[in-house]
N, C-alpha and C. Protein backbone atom coordinates (compact mmCIF):
# COMPACT_ATOMS: atom_id res chain seq x y z
N MET A 1 -69.31 -54.19 138.24
CA MET A 1 -68.49 -55.13 137.53
C MET A 1 -69.37 -55.97 136.63
N LEU A 2 -68.95 -56.18 135.38
CA LEU A 2 -69.71 -56.98 134.43
C LEU A 2 -69.32 -58.43 134.53
N LYS A 3 -70.31 -59.31 134.42
CA LYS A 3 -70.03 -60.73 134.41
C LYS A 3 -70.02 -61.22 132.97
N LYS A 4 -69.08 -62.06 132.65
CA LYS A 4 -69.00 -62.63 131.31
C LYS A 4 -69.96 -63.81 131.23
N THR A 5 -70.75 -63.86 130.18
CA THR A 5 -71.68 -64.96 129.97
C THR A 5 -70.93 -66.16 129.44
N PRO A 6 -71.10 -67.36 130.06
CA PRO A 6 -70.37 -68.53 129.59
C PRO A 6 -70.87 -68.97 128.21
N THR A 7 -69.96 -69.50 127.41
CA THR A 7 -70.30 -70.05 126.10
C THR A 7 -70.09 -71.55 126.15
N MET A 8 -70.34 -72.24 125.04
CA MET A 8 -70.15 -73.69 124.99
C MET A 8 -68.68 -74.07 125.23
N ASN A 9 -67.74 -73.21 124.85
CA ASN A 9 -66.34 -73.53 125.05
C ASN A 9 -65.90 -73.31 126.49
N GLU A 10 -66.74 -72.66 127.29
CA GLU A 10 -66.46 -72.40 128.69
C GLU A 10 -67.56 -73.06 129.53
N PRO A 11 -67.34 -74.28 130.00
CA PRO A 11 -68.37 -74.98 130.76
C PRO A 11 -68.74 -74.21 132.02
N THR A 12 -70.00 -74.34 132.42
CA THR A 12 -70.48 -73.63 133.60
C THR A 12 -70.03 -74.32 134.88
N GLY A 13 -69.78 -75.63 134.84
CA GLY A 13 -69.34 -76.36 136.02
C GLY A 13 -67.83 -76.24 136.19
N ASN A 14 -67.33 -76.88 137.24
CA ASN A 14 -65.89 -76.89 137.49
C ASN A 14 -65.21 -77.86 136.55
N MET A 15 -64.04 -77.46 136.02
CA MET A 15 -63.25 -78.35 135.18
C MET A 15 -62.49 -79.27 136.12
N ASN A 16 -63.09 -80.43 136.43
CA ASN A 16 -62.51 -81.35 137.40
C ASN A 16 -61.44 -82.24 136.80
N THR A 17 -61.59 -82.62 135.55
CA THR A 17 -60.71 -83.63 134.99
C THR A 17 -60.20 -83.21 133.62
N ILE A 18 -58.89 -83.38 133.46
CA ILE A 18 -58.27 -83.14 132.16
C ILE A 18 -57.45 -84.38 131.82
N ILE A 19 -57.71 -84.95 130.65
CA ILE A 19 -56.91 -86.06 130.14
C ILE A 19 -55.86 -85.42 129.24
N GLY A 20 -54.60 -85.42 129.69
CA GLY A 20 -53.53 -84.72 129.00
C GLY A 20 -53.18 -85.32 127.65
N LYS A 21 -52.41 -84.57 126.88
CA LYS A 21 -52.09 -84.90 125.49
C LYS A 21 -51.45 -86.28 125.32
N ASP A 22 -50.58 -86.69 126.21
CA ASP A 22 -49.89 -87.98 126.07
C ASP A 22 -50.52 -89.08 126.92
N THR A 23 -51.71 -88.86 127.43
CA THR A 23 -52.38 -89.82 128.30
C THR A 23 -53.34 -90.69 127.51
N VAL A 24 -53.36 -91.99 127.83
CA VAL A 24 -54.31 -92.93 127.23
C VAL A 24 -55.10 -93.56 128.38
N PHE A 25 -56.43 -93.46 128.31
CA PHE A 25 -57.30 -94.05 129.32
C PHE A 25 -58.20 -95.06 128.62
N THR A 26 -58.28 -96.27 129.18
CA THR A 26 -59.14 -97.31 128.62
C THR A 26 -60.10 -97.78 129.72
N GLY A 27 -61.40 -97.79 129.41
CA GLY A 27 -62.40 -98.24 130.37
C GLY A 27 -63.55 -97.27 130.45
N THR A 28 -64.35 -97.38 131.50
CA THR A 28 -65.48 -96.48 131.73
C THR A 28 -65.01 -95.35 132.63
N LEU A 29 -65.20 -94.13 132.14
CA LEU A 29 -64.78 -92.93 132.87
C LEU A 29 -66.02 -92.18 133.31
N GLU A 30 -66.25 -92.13 134.65
CA GLU A 30 -67.38 -91.37 135.20
C GLU A 30 -66.81 -90.15 135.90
N VAL A 31 -67.27 -88.96 135.47
CA VAL A 31 -66.72 -87.71 135.97
C VAL A 31 -67.85 -86.83 136.49
N LYS A 32 -67.65 -86.22 137.65
CA LYS A 32 -68.55 -85.18 138.14
C LYS A 32 -67.89 -83.86 137.82
N GLY A 33 -68.59 -82.96 137.19
CA GLY A 33 -67.99 -81.72 136.71
C GLY A 33 -67.55 -81.91 135.26
N ALA A 34 -66.98 -80.89 134.69
CA ALA A 34 -66.61 -80.91 133.28
C ALA A 34 -65.35 -81.73 133.05
N LEU A 35 -65.21 -82.23 131.83
CA LEU A 35 -64.08 -83.05 131.42
C LEU A 35 -63.51 -82.51 130.13
N ARG A 36 -62.19 -82.43 130.04
CA ARG A 36 -61.52 -82.06 128.79
C ARG A 36 -60.58 -83.19 128.42
N VAL A 37 -60.66 -83.62 127.15
CA VAL A 37 -59.82 -84.71 126.66
C VAL A 37 -58.89 -84.16 125.59
N ASP A 38 -57.59 -84.12 125.91
CA ASP A 38 -56.57 -83.74 124.94
C ASP A 38 -55.73 -84.96 124.56
N GLY A 39 -55.91 -86.06 125.28
CA GLY A 39 -55.21 -87.31 125.00
C GLY A 39 -56.15 -88.28 124.31
N THR A 40 -56.11 -89.56 124.74
CA THR A 40 -56.92 -90.61 124.14
C THR A 40 -57.76 -91.30 125.21
N VAL A 41 -59.05 -91.49 124.92
CA VAL A 41 -59.95 -92.24 125.79
C VAL A 41 -60.62 -93.31 124.94
N LYS A 42 -60.58 -94.56 125.44
CA LYS A 42 -61.24 -95.67 124.77
C LYS A 42 -62.18 -96.34 125.76
N GLY A 43 -63.44 -96.49 125.39
CA GLY A 43 -64.40 -97.15 126.28
C GLY A 43 -65.71 -96.41 126.36
N LYS A 44 -65.99 -95.77 127.50
CA LYS A 44 -67.26 -95.06 127.71
C LYS A 44 -67.00 -93.89 128.65
N ILE A 45 -67.67 -92.77 128.37
CA ILE A 45 -67.57 -91.58 129.22
C ILE A 45 -68.98 -91.21 129.69
N ILE A 46 -69.14 -91.09 131.00
CA ILE A 46 -70.40 -90.65 131.60
C ILE A 46 -70.10 -89.38 132.38
N CYS A 47 -70.78 -88.29 132.01
CA CYS A 47 -70.49 -87.00 132.64
C CYS A 47 -71.75 -86.14 132.67
N PRO A 48 -72.19 -85.70 133.87
CA PRO A 48 -73.39 -84.87 133.96
C PRO A 48 -73.12 -83.40 133.67
N ASP A 49 -72.05 -83.10 132.96
CA ASP A 49 -71.66 -81.73 132.65
C ASP A 49 -71.17 -81.71 131.19
N THR A 50 -70.21 -80.87 130.89
CA THR A 50 -69.69 -80.72 129.53
C THR A 50 -68.44 -81.55 129.34
N VAL A 51 -68.40 -82.29 128.23
CA VAL A 51 -67.19 -82.99 127.82
C VAL A 51 -66.67 -82.28 126.58
N THR A 52 -65.40 -81.86 126.65
CA THR A 52 -64.75 -81.20 125.53
C THR A 52 -63.63 -82.09 125.01
N VAL A 53 -63.69 -82.41 123.73
CA VAL A 53 -62.61 -83.15 123.09
C VAL A 53 -61.77 -82.10 122.36
N GLY A 54 -60.57 -81.85 122.88
CA GLY A 54 -59.70 -80.83 122.31
C GLY A 54 -59.20 -81.22 120.93
N ALA A 55 -58.53 -80.28 120.26
CA ALA A 55 -58.04 -80.50 118.90
C ALA A 55 -57.08 -81.68 118.82
N SER A 56 -56.30 -81.93 119.88
CA SER A 56 -55.38 -83.06 119.88
C SER A 56 -56.01 -84.30 120.49
N GLY A 57 -57.27 -84.21 120.93
CA GLY A 57 -57.95 -85.32 121.59
C GLY A 57 -58.46 -86.35 120.61
N SER A 58 -58.47 -87.60 121.08
CA SER A 58 -58.98 -88.72 120.30
C SER A 58 -59.84 -89.57 121.23
N VAL A 59 -61.11 -89.73 120.90
CA VAL A 59 -62.03 -90.48 121.74
C VAL A 59 -62.63 -91.61 120.92
N GLU A 60 -62.42 -92.84 121.40
CA GLU A 60 -63.06 -94.03 120.83
C GLU A 60 -63.97 -94.57 121.91
N ALA A 61 -65.09 -93.89 122.12
CA ALA A 61 -65.97 -94.22 123.23
C ALA A 61 -67.37 -93.70 122.97
N ASP A 62 -68.32 -94.24 123.70
CA ASP A 62 -69.68 -93.72 123.71
C ASP A 62 -69.76 -92.70 124.84
N LEU A 63 -70.45 -91.58 124.59
CA LEU A 63 -70.57 -90.51 125.57
C LEU A 63 -72.01 -90.37 126.02
N GLU A 64 -72.22 -90.25 127.33
CA GLU A 64 -73.51 -89.87 127.93
C GLU A 64 -73.23 -88.61 128.72
N VAL A 65 -73.67 -87.46 128.19
CA VAL A 65 -73.28 -86.16 128.75
C VAL A 65 -74.45 -85.19 128.73
N THR A 66 -74.23 -84.03 129.33
CA THR A 66 -75.19 -82.93 129.21
C THR A 66 -74.88 -82.13 127.95
N ASN A 67 -73.60 -81.74 127.79
CA ASN A 67 -73.14 -81.02 126.60
C ASN A 67 -71.86 -81.67 126.10
N ALA A 68 -71.66 -81.64 124.79
CA ALA A 68 -70.42 -82.15 124.20
C ALA A 68 -69.91 -81.13 123.20
N VAL A 69 -68.60 -80.87 123.27
CA VAL A 69 -67.92 -80.00 122.32
C VAL A 69 -66.79 -80.83 121.74
N VAL A 70 -66.80 -81.03 120.41
CA VAL A 70 -65.79 -81.86 119.78
C VAL A 70 -64.97 -81.01 118.81
N ALA A 71 -63.65 -80.95 119.07
CA ALA A 71 -62.73 -80.25 118.18
C ALA A 71 -61.73 -81.22 117.58
N GLY A 72 -61.59 -82.42 118.17
CA GLY A 72 -60.64 -83.42 117.70
C GLY A 72 -61.33 -84.57 117.00
N LYS A 73 -60.83 -85.79 117.23
CA LYS A 73 -61.38 -86.99 116.59
C LYS A 73 -62.25 -87.75 117.57
N MET A 74 -63.41 -88.15 117.09
CA MET A 74 -64.39 -88.86 117.92
C MET A 74 -64.94 -90.03 117.13
N ASN A 75 -64.80 -91.24 117.69
CA ASN A 75 -65.36 -92.43 117.07
C ASN A 75 -66.24 -93.10 118.12
N GLY A 76 -67.55 -92.90 118.01
CA GLY A 76 -68.49 -93.44 118.98
C GLY A 76 -69.76 -92.61 118.97
N ASN A 77 -70.72 -93.07 119.72
CA ASN A 77 -72.03 -92.41 119.79
C ASN A 77 -72.05 -91.39 120.93
N ILE A 78 -72.77 -90.29 120.70
CA ILE A 78 -72.91 -89.25 121.73
C ILE A 78 -74.38 -89.06 122.03
N VAL A 79 -74.74 -89.19 123.31
CA VAL A 79 -76.08 -88.86 123.79
C VAL A 79 -75.91 -87.68 124.72
N ALA A 80 -76.44 -86.52 124.31
CA ALA A 80 -76.33 -85.29 125.10
C ALA A 80 -77.72 -84.77 125.42
N SER A 81 -77.97 -84.51 126.69
CA SER A 81 -79.31 -84.06 127.10
C SER A 81 -79.58 -82.61 126.73
N GLU A 82 -78.54 -81.81 126.45
CA GLU A 82 -78.76 -80.41 126.07
C GLU A 82 -78.24 -80.06 124.68
N GLN A 83 -76.93 -80.25 124.43
CA GLN A 83 -76.39 -79.75 123.16
C GLN A 83 -75.10 -80.48 122.77
N ILE A 84 -74.90 -80.61 121.45
CA ILE A 84 -73.64 -81.11 120.89
C ILE A 84 -73.13 -80.05 119.92
N GLU A 85 -71.83 -79.74 120.02
CA GLU A 85 -71.20 -78.80 119.11
C GLU A 85 -70.03 -79.50 118.42
N LEU A 86 -70.06 -79.53 117.08
CA LEU A 86 -68.98 -80.09 116.29
C LEU A 86 -68.21 -78.92 115.69
N GLN A 87 -66.99 -78.73 116.14
CA GLN A 87 -66.21 -77.58 115.69
C GLN A 87 -65.54 -77.84 114.34
N ALA A 88 -65.02 -76.79 113.75
CA ALA A 88 -64.61 -76.76 112.34
C ALA A 88 -63.65 -77.86 111.91
N LYS A 89 -62.71 -78.26 112.71
CA LYS A 89 -61.72 -79.23 112.26
C LYS A 89 -61.90 -80.61 112.87
N CYS A 90 -63.06 -80.88 113.43
CA CYS A 90 -63.28 -82.18 114.07
C CYS A 90 -63.65 -83.25 113.04
N GLU A 91 -63.47 -84.50 113.46
CA GLU A 91 -63.90 -85.65 112.67
C GLU A 91 -64.71 -86.55 113.60
N VAL A 92 -65.99 -86.72 113.30
CA VAL A 92 -66.87 -87.52 114.14
C VAL A 92 -67.45 -88.65 113.31
N ASP A 93 -67.28 -89.88 113.81
CA ASP A 93 -67.84 -91.06 113.18
C ASP A 93 -68.69 -91.77 114.24
N GLY A 94 -70.00 -91.54 114.19
CA GLY A 94 -70.91 -92.12 115.17
C GLY A 94 -72.25 -91.43 115.13
N ASP A 95 -73.18 -91.96 115.89
CA ASP A 95 -74.54 -91.42 115.92
C ASP A 95 -74.68 -90.41 117.06
N LEU A 96 -75.52 -89.41 116.83
CA LEU A 96 -75.76 -88.35 117.80
C LEU A 96 -77.22 -88.35 118.22
N LYS A 97 -77.46 -88.09 119.50
CA LYS A 97 -78.83 -87.92 120.00
C LYS A 97 -78.81 -86.72 120.94
N THR A 98 -79.50 -85.65 120.55
CA THR A 98 -79.50 -84.41 121.30
C THR A 98 -80.64 -83.52 120.84
N PRO A 99 -81.16 -82.64 121.71
CA PRO A 99 -82.18 -81.69 121.27
C PRO A 99 -81.61 -80.51 120.50
N SER A 100 -80.29 -80.26 120.59
CA SER A 100 -79.69 -79.11 119.93
C SER A 100 -78.33 -79.50 119.36
N LEU A 101 -78.11 -79.19 118.07
CA LEU A 101 -76.88 -79.57 117.39
C LEU A 101 -76.30 -78.38 116.64
N ILE A 102 -74.99 -78.14 116.84
CA ILE A 102 -74.28 -77.10 116.11
C ILE A 102 -73.17 -77.79 115.33
N ILE A 103 -73.13 -77.58 114.02
CA ILE A 103 -72.05 -78.12 113.19
C ILE A 103 -71.41 -76.96 112.46
N GLU A 104 -70.15 -76.67 112.79
CA GLU A 104 -69.44 -75.59 112.13
C GLU A 104 -68.97 -76.04 110.75
N GLN A 105 -68.82 -75.08 109.85
CA GLN A 105 -68.32 -75.36 108.51
C GLN A 105 -66.92 -75.94 108.63
N GLY A 106 -66.68 -77.04 107.93
CA GLY A 106 -65.38 -77.70 107.97
C GLY A 106 -65.38 -78.95 108.83
N ALA A 107 -66.39 -79.13 109.67
CA ALA A 107 -66.48 -80.34 110.49
C ALA A 107 -66.83 -81.53 109.60
N ILE A 108 -66.29 -82.69 109.95
CA ILE A 108 -66.60 -83.92 109.22
C ILE A 108 -67.44 -84.79 110.15
N PHE A 109 -68.66 -85.13 109.70
CA PHE A 109 -69.58 -85.92 110.51
C PHE A 109 -70.12 -87.06 109.66
N CYS A 110 -69.90 -88.29 110.12
CA CYS A 110 -70.42 -89.48 109.44
C CYS A 110 -71.25 -90.25 110.46
N GLY A 111 -72.55 -90.25 110.27
CA GLY A 111 -73.44 -90.93 111.20
C GLY A 111 -74.84 -90.38 111.06
N SER A 112 -75.68 -90.69 112.02
CA SER A 112 -77.05 -90.18 112.00
C SER A 112 -77.27 -89.34 113.25
N CYS A 113 -78.32 -88.52 113.19
CA CYS A 113 -78.64 -87.65 114.31
C CYS A 113 -80.13 -87.75 114.61
N ASN A 114 -80.46 -87.91 115.89
CA ASN A 114 -81.85 -87.95 116.34
C ASN A 114 -82.06 -86.77 117.28
N MET A 115 -83.00 -85.90 116.89
CA MET A 115 -83.30 -84.72 117.71
C MET A 115 -84.77 -84.68 118.11
N LYS A 116 -85.53 -85.74 117.87
CA LYS A 116 -86.98 -85.69 118.04
C LYS A 116 -87.50 -86.04 119.42
N ASP A 117 -86.74 -86.65 120.29
CA ASP A 117 -87.28 -87.07 121.57
C ASP A 117 -87.79 -85.91 122.40
N LYS A 118 -87.11 -84.79 122.34
CA LYS A 118 -87.56 -83.59 123.05
C LYS A 118 -87.76 -82.49 122.02
N ALA A 119 -88.98 -81.99 121.93
CA ALA A 119 -89.26 -80.89 121.00
C ALA A 119 -88.71 -79.60 121.59
N PRO A 120 -87.89 -78.87 120.83
CA PRO A 120 -87.34 -77.61 121.36
C PRO A 120 -88.44 -76.57 121.50
N ASP A 121 -88.35 -75.75 122.52
CA ASP A 121 -89.29 -74.65 122.73
C ASP A 121 -88.74 -73.42 122.02
N LEU A 122 -89.26 -73.15 120.82
CA LEU A 122 -88.76 -72.04 120.04
C LEU A 122 -89.42 -70.72 120.40
N GLY A 123 -90.44 -70.78 121.23
CA GLY A 123 -91.06 -69.56 121.73
C GLY A 123 -92.02 -68.89 120.76
N PHE A 124 -91.60 -68.72 119.50
CA PHE A 124 -92.42 -68.00 118.54
C PHE A 124 -93.31 -68.92 117.72
N LEU A 125 -93.15 -70.23 117.83
CA LEU A 125 -93.99 -71.16 117.10
C LEU A 125 -95.04 -71.76 118.02
N ASN A 126 -96.23 -72.00 117.48
CA ASN A 126 -97.29 -72.64 118.23
C ASN A 126 -96.95 -74.11 118.40
N GLN A 127 -96.92 -74.61 119.62
CA GLN A 127 -96.53 -75.99 119.90
C GLN A 127 -97.68 -76.98 119.68
N GLN A 128 -98.93 -76.48 119.51
CA GLN A 128 -100.06 -77.38 119.31
C GLN A 128 -100.05 -77.91 117.89
N LYS A 129 -100.28 -79.22 117.78
CA LYS A 129 -100.35 -79.85 116.46
C LYS A 129 -101.81 -79.98 116.06
N SER A 130 -102.14 -79.52 114.88
CA SER A 130 -103.52 -79.68 114.41
C SER A 130 -103.63 -81.03 113.75
N LYS A 131 -104.77 -81.66 113.91
CA LYS A 131 -104.99 -82.97 113.31
C LYS A 131 -105.55 -82.78 111.91
N PRO A 132 -104.87 -83.31 110.89
CA PRO A 132 -105.31 -83.13 109.51
C PRO A 132 -106.70 -83.68 109.25
N GLU A 133 -107.07 -84.80 109.93
CA GLU A 133 -108.39 -85.37 109.67
C GLU A 133 -109.50 -84.45 110.17
N ASN A 134 -109.29 -83.71 111.27
CA ASN A 134 -110.29 -82.76 111.76
C ASN A 134 -110.43 -81.58 110.80
N ALA A 135 -109.33 -81.12 110.27
CA ALA A 135 -109.38 -80.01 109.33
C ALA A 135 -110.10 -80.43 108.05
N LEU A 136 -109.86 -81.66 107.60
CA LEU A 136 -110.50 -82.18 106.40
C LEU A 136 -112.00 -82.35 106.64
N ALA A 137 -112.38 -82.86 107.82
CA ALA A 137 -113.79 -83.08 108.13
C ALA A 137 -114.55 -81.75 108.19
N SER A 138 -113.94 -80.74 108.79
CA SER A 138 -114.65 -79.46 108.90
C SER A 138 -114.75 -78.77 107.55
N SER A 139 -113.75 -78.94 106.67
CA SER A 139 -113.82 -78.29 105.36
C SER A 139 -114.83 -79.01 104.46
N SER A 140 -115.00 -80.33 104.64
CA SER A 140 -115.96 -81.06 103.81
C SER A 140 -117.39 -80.73 104.25
N LYS A 141 -117.61 -80.38 105.53
CA LYS A 141 -118.94 -80.02 105.98
C LYS A 141 -119.36 -78.70 105.36
N GLY A 142 -118.42 -77.79 105.18
CA GLY A 142 -118.74 -76.49 104.61
C GLY A 142 -119.04 -76.57 103.12
N ASN A 143 -118.59 -77.62 102.45
CA ASN A 143 -118.80 -77.79 101.02
C ASN A 143 -120.14 -78.41 100.70
N LYS A 144 -120.84 -78.97 101.67
CA LYS A 144 -122.11 -79.64 101.40
C LYS A 144 -123.23 -78.67 101.25
């Protein structure tokens, strides 16, 4: 039997919480496992898994998550330890901090993004940084 590999739209953890289309939640929401928002959340979301804002979802909150997938409206900052995905019809107004960012064509993003805190391991690039002053010093010695 073949196993299907999970994608960003299919969280690896259990989908513990769903905020339904006509639901409004105000305050700090701490969730263990994945969260899907199809309604409205105002305040703050803390989740050690994936938070998905559905196409009908509206979030006016700051997010502290592992992964974030936004298909609806998001007004607030997102800090994701692994990845943020902005899908084609989303509208995001806020700052992003993540090592990996996916922005689909058609997404609207107004804010800044910081990806420098953790350098991604690309595998094929040398991670060592050469110091320009050492290179300059060694090349000037050869010219004398």
